[in-house]
N, C-alpha and C. Protein backbone atom coordinates (compact mmCIF):
# COMPACT_ATOMS: atom_id res chain seq x y z
N SER A 1 15.83 -10.15 -131.61
CA SER A 1 15.38 -10.02 -132.87
C SER A 1 16.58 -10.27 -133.97
N SER A 2 16.39 -10.48 -135.25
CA SER A 2 17.18 -10.63 -135.93
C SER A 2 17.44 -8.93 -136.62
N PRO A 3 18.62 -8.91 -136.97
CA PRO A 3 18.70 -7.70 -137.96
C PRO A 3 17.51 -7.60 -139.16
N ALA A 4 17.63 -6.33 -139.08
CA ALA A 4 16.48 -5.99 -140.73
C ALA A 4 17.35 -5.79 -141.82
N LEU A 5 18.36 -5.52 -141.48
CA LEU A 5 19.60 -5.16 -142.72
C LEU A 5 20.93 -5.88 -142.26
N ALA A 6 21.82 -6.28 -143.40
CA ALA A 6 22.75 -6.95 -143.02
C ALA A 6 23.86 -5.68 -143.77
N ILE A 7 24.69 -5.09 -142.71
CA ILE A 7 25.59 -4.06 -143.07
C ILE A 7 26.72 -4.46 -143.07
N GLU A 8 27.64 -4.24 -144.11
CA GLU A 8 29.05 -4.35 -143.94
C GLU A 8 29.66 -2.88 -144.65
N ARG A 9 31.01 -3.19 -143.98
CA ARG A 9 31.87 -1.91 -144.49
C ARG A 9 32.88 -2.45 -145.17
N GLN A 10 33.11 -2.04 -146.53
CA GLN A 10 33.95 -2.57 -147.61
C GLN A 10 34.50 -1.76 -148.37
N GLY A 11 35.94 -1.40 -147.67
CA GLY A 11 36.59 0.34 -148.28
C GLY A 11 36.23 1.29 -147.99
N GLU A 12 36.04 2.25 -149.00
CA GLU A 12 35.11 3.33 -148.87
C GLU A 12 33.74 3.20 -149.01
N TRP A 13 33.12 2.14 -149.31
CA TRP A 13 31.92 1.83 -149.07
C TRP A 13 30.98 1.23 -147.89
N ILE A 14 29.79 1.51 -147.75
CA ILE A 14 29.31 0.66 -146.41
C ILE A 14 27.91 -0.16 -147.36
N GLU A 15 27.68 -1.38 -147.38
CA GLU A 15 26.87 -2.06 -148.25
C GLU A 15 25.81 -2.60 -147.27
N LEU A 16 24.65 -2.41 -147.94
CA LEU A 16 23.55 -2.56 -147.49
C LEU A 16 22.39 -3.66 -147.84
N ARG A 17 22.18 -4.92 -147.27
CA ARG A 17 21.31 -6.03 -147.81
C ARG A 17 20.37 -5.90 -147.03
N ILE A 18 19.08 -6.45 -147.64
CA ILE A 18 18.04 -6.77 -146.83
C ILE A 18 18.01 -8.16 -146.37
N ALA A 19 18.00 -8.05 -145.07
CA ALA A 19 18.43 -9.26 -144.19
C ALA A 19 17.06 -10.34 -143.63
N ASP A 20 15.63 -9.24 -143.44
CA ASP A 20 14.81 -9.84 -143.03
C ASP A 20 13.55 -9.09 -143.87
N VAL A 21 13.09 -9.78 -144.63
CA VAL A 21 11.96 -9.36 -145.59
C VAL A 21 10.72 -8.69 -144.81
N ALA A 22 10.55 -9.09 -143.74
CA ALA A 22 9.26 -8.91 -142.87
C ALA A 22 9.53 -7.82 -141.85
N ALA A 23 10.68 -7.35 -141.97
CA ALA A 23 11.08 -6.19 -141.01
C ALA A 23 10.52 -4.96 -141.36
N SER A 24 10.33 -4.04 -140.59
CA SER A 24 9.38 -2.92 -140.88
C SER A 24 10.53 -1.86 -141.23
N ALA A 25 9.86 -0.86 -141.83
CA ALA A 25 10.93 0.59 -142.25
C ALA A 25 11.48 0.86 -141.09
N SER A 26 10.88 1.16 -139.88
CA SER A 26 11.04 1.61 -138.84
C SER A 26 12.57 1.08 -138.25
N ASP A 27 12.34 -0.24 -137.97
CA ASP A 27 13.61 -1.17 -137.80
C ASP A 27 14.80 -0.85 -138.88
N MET A 28 14.23 -0.52 -140.28
CA MET A 28 15.71 -0.58 -141.08
C MET A 28 16.00 0.95 -141.02
N ARG A 29 15.10 2.02 -140.63
CA ARG A 29 15.74 3.36 -140.33
C ARG A 29 16.51 3.27 -139.12
N ARG A 30 16.19 2.74 -138.10
CA ARG A 30 16.96 2.79 -136.68
C ARG A 30 18.54 1.72 -136.98
N GLU A 31 18.50 1.01 -137.81
CA GLU A 31 19.76 0.43 -138.31
C GLU A 31 20.61 1.21 -139.09
N LEU A 32 19.88 2.06 -139.89
CA LEU A 32 20.61 2.70 -140.58
C LEU A 32 21.28 4.02 -140.02
N ARG A 33 20.58 4.23 -139.07
CA ARG A 33 20.81 5.44 -137.96
C ARG A 33 22.31 4.98 -137.16
N ASP A 34 21.99 3.73 -136.68
CA ASP A 34 22.88 3.20 -135.70
C ASP A 34 24.40 3.03 -136.54
N ALA A 35 23.89 2.56 -137.61
CA ALA A 35 25.28 2.40 -138.71
C ALA A 35 26.03 3.73 -138.95
N GLY A 36 25.17 5.02 -138.74
CA GLY A 36 25.69 6.42 -138.93
C GLY A 36 25.41 7.00 -140.56
N ILE A 37 24.24 6.08 -141.02
CA ILE A 37 23.73 6.82 -142.32
C ILE A 37 22.34 7.20 -142.36
N ALA A 38 22.58 8.69 -142.76
CA ALA A 38 21.29 9.55 -142.77
C ALA A 38 20.54 9.26 -144.04
N ALA A 39 19.46 8.24 -143.78
CA ALA A 39 18.69 8.02 -144.77
C ALA A 39 17.16 7.62 -144.20
N ASP A 40 16.31 7.78 -144.96
CA ASP A 40 14.92 6.91 -144.55
C ASP A 40 14.50 6.10 -145.29
N VAL A 41 13.68 5.03 -145.27
CA VAL A 41 13.34 3.86 -145.37
C VAL A 41 11.79 3.75 -145.93
N ARG A 42 11.42 3.56 -147.14
CA ARG A 42 10.16 3.27 -147.34
C ARG A 42 9.89 1.68 -147.83
N ARG A 43 8.84 0.86 -147.35
CA ARG A 43 8.66 0.04 -148.03
C ARG A 43 7.30 -0.01 -149.09
N VAL A 44 7.46 -0.42 -150.15
CA VAL A 44 6.44 -0.68 -151.24
C VAL A 44 6.18 -2.01 -151.63
N PRO A 45 4.90 -2.04 -152.02
CA PRO A 45 4.42 -3.51 -152.28
C PRO A 45 4.93 -3.75 -153.98
N VAL A 46 5.40 -4.85 -153.98
CA VAL A 46 5.84 -5.71 -155.03
C VAL A 46 5.57 -6.76 -155.55
N ARG A 47 6.24 -7.31 -156.82
CA ARG A 47 5.86 -8.62 -157.24
C ARG A 47 6.64 -9.62 -156.61
N GLU A 48 6.12 -10.77 -156.37
CA GLU A 48 7.01 -11.90 -155.57
C GLU A 48 8.53 -11.94 -155.84
N PRO A 49 8.70 -11.80 -157.01
CA PRO A 49 10.38 -12.00 -157.24
C PRO A 49 11.03 -10.74 -156.34
N HIS A 50 10.48 -9.72 -156.27
CA HIS A 50 11.16 -8.55 -155.78
C HIS A 50 10.81 -8.34 -154.30
N VAL A 51 10.30 -9.20 -153.45
CA VAL A 51 10.05 -8.75 -152.37
C VAL A 51 11.79 -9.25 -151.42
N GLY A 52 11.72 -8.00 -150.77
CA GLY A 52 13.27 -8.15 -150.08
C GLY A 52 14.27 -7.57 -150.57
N GLU A 53 14.24 -6.79 -152.02
CA GLU A 53 15.15 -6.14 -152.89
C GLU A 53 14.95 -4.96 -152.59
N TRP A 54 16.03 -3.75 -153.01
CA TRP A 54 15.81 -2.80 -152.84
C TRP A 54 14.97 -2.36 -154.55
N ALA A 55 14.03 -1.54 -154.48
CA ALA A 55 13.04 -1.17 -155.38
C ALA A 55 13.72 0.04 -156.06
N CYS A 56 13.93 0.93 -155.22
CA CYS A 56 14.57 2.59 -155.74
C CYS A 56 15.15 3.15 -154.72
N ILE A 57 15.96 4.23 -155.07
CA ILE A 57 16.21 5.23 -154.18
C ILE A 57 15.88 6.32 -154.82
N ALA A 58 15.86 7.21 -153.87
CA ALA A 58 15.53 8.90 -154.25
C ALA A 58 15.89 9.67 -153.27
N GLU A 59 16.07 11.10 -153.94
CA GLU A 59 16.47 12.01 -152.85
C GLU A 59 15.79 13.33 -153.19
N ILE A 60 15.43 13.78 -151.65
CA ILE A 60 14.57 14.97 -151.71
C ILE A 60 15.17 16.11 -151.27
N ALA A 61 15.16 17.25 -152.02
CA ALA A 61 15.58 18.38 -151.56
C ALA A 61 14.98 19.04 -150.30
N ASP A 62 15.79 19.42 -149.35
CA ASP A 62 14.94 20.05 -147.94
C ASP A 62 14.80 21.28 -148.01
N GLY A 63 13.79 21.99 -147.66
CA GLY A 63 13.81 23.63 -147.94
C GLY A 63 13.07 23.87 -148.93
N ASP A 64 13.60 25.09 -149.35
CA ASP A 64 12.59 25.71 -150.47
C ASP A 64 13.84 26.41 -151.73
N PRO A 65 13.47 25.50 -152.89
CA PRO A 65 14.78 25.67 -153.84
C PRO A 65 14.73 27.25 -154.45
N ALA A 66 13.82 27.87 -154.20
CA ALA A 66 13.51 29.59 -154.60
C ALA A 66 13.81 30.34 -153.49
N GLY A 67 14.22 29.85 -152.10
CA GLY A 67 14.43 30.64 -150.93
C GLY A 67 15.49 30.89 -150.84
N PRO A 68 15.85 31.95 -149.92
CA PRO A 68 17.40 32.56 -149.66
C PRO A 68 18.67 31.46 -149.94
N ASP A 69 19.74 32.38 -150.86
CA ASP A 69 20.89 31.52 -150.91
C ASP A 69 21.74 32.14 -150.05
N PRO A 70 22.35 31.41 -149.14
CA PRO A 70 23.10 32.08 -147.91
C PRO A 70 24.45 32.15 -148.39
N ASP A 71 25.00 31.26 -149.29
CA ASP A 71 26.62 31.63 -149.65
C ASP A 71 26.24 32.18 -150.80
N GLY A 72 25.21 32.67 -151.60
CA GLY A 72 25.29 33.85 -152.70
C GLY A 72 25.94 32.85 -153.99
N ALA A 73 25.44 31.53 -153.83
CA ALA A 73 26.21 30.89 -155.04
C ALA A 73 25.53 30.53 -156.33
N SER A 74 24.31 30.82 -156.19
CA SER A 74 23.19 30.82 -157.27
C SER A 74 22.59 31.97 -157.47
N PRO A 75 22.57 32.42 -158.92
CA PRO A 75 21.62 33.36 -159.04
C PRO A 75 20.45 33.21 -159.06
N ASN A 76 19.67 32.15 -159.13
CA ASN A 76 18.27 31.25 -159.39
C ASN A 76 17.86 31.07 -158.42
N GLY A 77 18.37 31.39 -156.86
CA GLY A 77 17.72 30.81 -155.79
C GLY A 77 19.02 30.06 -155.03
N ARG A 78 18.40 29.26 -153.92
CA ARG A 78 19.25 28.22 -153.52
C ARG A 78 19.87 27.36 -154.14
N ARG A 79 20.96 27.06 -154.28
CA ARG A 79 21.70 25.74 -154.89
C ARG A 79 21.72 24.67 -153.91
N TYR A 80 21.41 23.14 -154.16
CA TYR A 80 21.50 21.76 -153.58
C TYR A 80 22.42 20.92 -154.13
N ARG A 81 23.24 20.48 -152.97
CA ARG A 81 24.20 19.83 -153.50
C ARG A 81 23.27 18.08 -153.22
N THR A 82 23.40 17.46 -154.35
CA THR A 82 22.65 16.11 -154.50
C THR A 82 23.77 15.12 -154.00
N ARG A 83 23.73 13.86 -153.58
CA ARG A 83 24.14 13.10 -153.19
C ARG A 83 24.20 11.59 -153.96
N LEU A 84 23.08 11.33 -154.68
CA LEU A 84 22.72 10.29 -155.48
C LEU A 84 24.13 9.72 -156.01
N GLN A 85 24.88 10.57 -156.54
CA GLN A 85 26.05 10.22 -157.24
C GLN A 85 27.18 9.18 -156.07
N GLU A 86 26.80 9.48 -155.06
CA GLU A 86 27.29 8.61 -153.54
C GLU A 86 26.66 7.33 -153.18
N VAL A 87 25.76 6.99 -154.18
CA VAL A 87 25.07 5.41 -153.71
C VAL A 87 25.24 4.62 -154.98
N ASP A 88 25.03 3.53 -154.95
CA ASP A 88 25.29 2.85 -155.87
C ASP A 88 24.22 1.31 -155.65
N TYR A 89 23.36 1.31 -156.43
CA TYR A 89 22.51 -0.06 -155.69
C TYR A 89 22.16 -0.82 -157.10
N THR A 90 21.94 -2.06 -156.79
CA THR A 90 21.33 -3.26 -157.44
C THR A 90 20.07 -3.62 -156.50
N PRO A 91 19.11 -4.24 -157.17
CA PRO A 91 17.89 -4.77 -156.40
C PRO A 91 18.49 -5.98 -155.16
N THR A 92 19.75 -6.56 -154.97
CA THR A 92 20.04 -6.84 -153.97
C THR A 92 20.93 -6.13 -152.93
N ARG A 93 21.52 -5.31 -153.49
CA ARG A 93 22.47 -4.70 -152.53
C ARG A 93 22.55 -3.00 -152.65
N LEU A 94 22.88 -2.37 -151.66
CA LEU A 94 22.77 -0.71 -151.92
C LEU A 94 24.18 -0.48 -151.17
N ARG A 95 25.01 0.61 -151.89
CA ARG A 95 26.40 0.75 -151.39
C ARG A 95 26.21 2.54 -151.32
N ILE A 96 26.40 3.03 -150.14
CA ILE A 96 26.94 4.56 -149.56
C ILE A 96 28.10 4.53 -149.47
N ARG A 97 29.04 5.58 -149.96
CA ARG A 97 30.46 5.73 -149.65
C ARG A 97 30.01 6.23 -148.10
N ARG A 98 31.10 5.63 -147.65
CA ARG A 98 31.46 5.61 -145.94
C ARG A 98 31.68 7.44 -145.72
N ASP A 99 32.24 8.17 -146.38
CA ASP A 99 32.52 9.70 -145.90
C ASP A 99 30.97 10.08 -146.51
N PHE A 100 30.32 9.79 -146.92
CA PHE A 100 29.50 10.95 -147.15
C PHE A 100 28.12 10.42 -146.53
N ALA A 101 28.03 9.09 -146.00
CA ALA A 101 26.91 8.79 -145.07
C ALA A 101 26.78 9.38 -143.75
N ARG A 102 27.70 9.82 -143.31
CA ARG A 102 27.65 10.80 -142.24
C ARG A 102 27.32 12.28 -142.15
N THR A 103 27.99 12.84 -143.42
CA THR A 103 27.74 14.17 -143.56
C THR A 103 26.32 14.89 -143.93
N LEU A 104 26.31 15.94 -143.09
CA LEU A 104 24.99 16.73 -143.33
C LEU A 104 24.78 17.02 -144.90
N GLN A 105 23.82 16.84 -145.46
CA GLN A 105 23.63 17.15 -146.70
C GLN A 105 22.28 18.18 -146.93
N ASP A 106 21.83 18.73 -148.00
CA ASP A 106 20.92 19.62 -148.25
C ASP A 106 19.75 18.93 -148.57
N GLY A 107 19.68 17.47 -148.50
CA GLY A 107 18.36 16.87 -149.14
C GLY A 107 18.05 15.89 -148.18
N ARG A 108 17.51 14.52 -148.63
CA ARG A 108 17.02 13.49 -147.88
C ARG A 108 17.32 12.23 -148.41
N LEU A 109 17.96 11.33 -148.14
CA LEU A 109 18.07 10.09 -149.05
C LEU A 109 16.85 9.42 -148.65
N ILE A 110 16.24 8.55 -149.63
CA ILE A 110 15.07 7.31 -149.64
C ILE A 110 15.39 6.41 -150.13
N PHE A 111 15.43 5.35 -149.41
CA PHE A 111 15.42 3.73 -149.82
C PHE A 111 14.27 3.06 -149.58
N PHE A 112 13.92 2.66 -150.76
CA PHE A 112 12.58 1.79 -150.79
C PHE A 112 12.77 0.45 -150.89
N ALA A 113 12.16 -0.04 -150.00
CA ALA A 113 12.51 -1.71 -149.90
C ALA A 113 11.31 -2.35 -150.44
N GLY A 114 11.11 -3.52 -151.34
CA GLY A 114 10.06 -4.24 -151.83
C GLY A 114 9.48 -5.13 -150.47
N ARG A 115 8.18 -4.82 -150.44
CA ARG A 115 7.68 -6.06 -149.49
C ARG A 115 6.13 -6.85 -150.31
N ALA A 116 6.01 -7.55 -149.68
CA ALA A 116 4.59 -8.39 -150.26
C ALA A 116 3.47 -7.37 -149.89
N PRO A 117 2.66 -7.83 -151.15
CA PRO A 117 1.32 -6.70 -150.89
C PRO A 117 0.79 -7.21 -149.74
N GLN A 118 -0.42 -6.34 -149.24
CA GLN A 118 -1.04 -6.86 -147.94
C GLN A 118 -2.61 -6.49 -148.04
N GLY A 119 -3.19 -7.79 -148.08
CA GLY A 119 -4.77 -7.81 -147.94
C GLY A 119 -4.92 -7.64 -149.71
N ASP A 120 -5.96 -6.65 -149.90
CA ASP A 120 -6.28 -6.49 -151.36
C ASP A 120 -5.41 -5.29 -152.20
N GLU A 121 -4.10 -5.16 -151.41
CA GLU A 121 -3.25 -4.31 -152.08
C GLU A 121 -3.02 -5.07 -153.29
N ARG A 122 -2.39 -4.20 -154.40
CA ARG A 122 -1.66 -4.64 -155.55
C ARG A 122 -0.35 -4.26 -155.49
N PRO A 123 0.42 -5.13 -156.11
CA PRO A 123 2.01 -4.80 -156.39
C PRO A 123 2.03 -3.51 -157.45
N ARG A 124 2.93 -2.80 -157.18
CA ARG A 124 3.11 -1.32 -157.91
C ARG A 124 4.14 -2.10 -159.39
N ASN A 125 3.52 -1.90 -160.50
CA ASN A 125 4.12 -2.06 -161.76
C ASN A 125 5.30 -1.49 -162.26
N ALA A 126 5.67 -0.35 -161.35
CA ALA A 126 6.67 0.58 -161.63
C ALA A 126 6.97 1.40 -160.34
N PRO A 127 7.31 0.42 -159.27
CA PRO A 127 7.62 0.83 -158.06
C PRO A 127 8.52 1.87 -157.95
N CYS A 128 9.30 2.20 -158.66
CA CYS A 128 10.30 3.41 -158.37
C CYS A 128 9.36 4.52 -158.87
N ARG A 129 8.74 4.63 -160.02
CA ARG A 129 8.03 5.71 -160.60
C ARG A 129 6.82 5.89 -159.38
N ASP A 130 6.24 5.05 -159.30
CA ASP A 130 5.29 5.16 -158.11
C ASP A 130 5.61 5.73 -156.66
N ALA A 131 6.42 5.17 -156.27
CA ALA A 131 7.05 5.43 -155.10
C ALA A 131 7.85 6.91 -154.85
N VAL A 132 8.18 7.07 -155.93
CA VAL A 132 8.68 8.62 -155.98
C VAL A 132 7.95 9.73 -155.96
N SER A 133 6.73 9.40 -157.10
CA SER A 133 5.46 10.05 -157.26
C SER A 133 4.76 10.43 -155.78
N SER A 134 4.73 9.50 -154.77
CA SER A 134 3.70 9.24 -153.70
C SER A 134 4.59 10.31 -152.72
N LEU A 135 6.13 10.73 -153.18
CA LEU A 135 6.51 11.57 -152.16
C LEU A 135 5.98 12.95 -152.11
N ARG A 136 5.26 13.29 -153.11
CA ARG A 136 4.96 14.81 -153.04
C ARG A 136 4.02 15.02 -152.11
N GLN A 137 3.04 13.90 -151.47
CA GLN A 137 2.49 14.23 -150.51
C GLN A 137 3.12 13.70 -149.19
N VAL A 138 3.93 13.31 -149.19
CA VAL A 138 4.39 12.80 -147.89
C VAL A 138 5.71 13.75 -147.37
N THR A 139 5.40 13.57 -145.87
CA THR A 139 6.24 14.37 -145.08
C THR A 139 7.29 13.46 -144.50
N PRO A 140 8.61 14.06 -143.75
CA PRO A 140 9.66 13.03 -143.20
C PRO A 140 8.98 12.05 -142.42
N SER A 141 9.44 10.82 -142.52
CA SER A 141 8.91 9.79 -142.02
C SER A 141 9.11 9.37 -140.88
N ALA A 142 8.26 9.29 -140.04
CA ALA A 142 8.23 8.69 -138.64
C ALA A 142 7.09 7.80 -138.45
N GLY A 143 6.29 7.68 -139.33
CA GLY A 143 5.37 6.88 -139.44
C GLY A 143 5.12 5.71 -140.39
N PRO A 144 4.02 5.78 -141.42
CA PRO A 144 3.66 4.86 -142.17
C PRO A 144 4.97 4.28 -143.20
N GLU A 145 4.61 3.11 -143.69
CA GLU A 145 5.89 2.45 -144.43
C GLU A 145 5.72 2.91 -145.98
């Protein structure tokens, strides 16, 4: 089968492009994992010119932000290190710093890939806002796209 993603190492960065617009989110996740990138992929319905493009990126903190603070660094509960600053993206390419892709973090990166609507499904007018708001009801992905 053809690759879901085009993955290129460019200096300090790993660049990702969607190579197969029909690829499943699980295929994309597997290829990210094989490339050493700790991230999830969700596919969201978008309007035709945006099918096969990156619609959005998000980061979700793991655990309880008001829970125990093992290092004592934050007086208001646990402090999270975010990594969105380590990701750069446009609709056609997404880049993540190589040294950051493999390291353990406090949260999960989620890359949203645009796909064609299916059946009666309507494309999202604001795919990033809609996709991120849908995460409030979603657990770590192993299933639906």
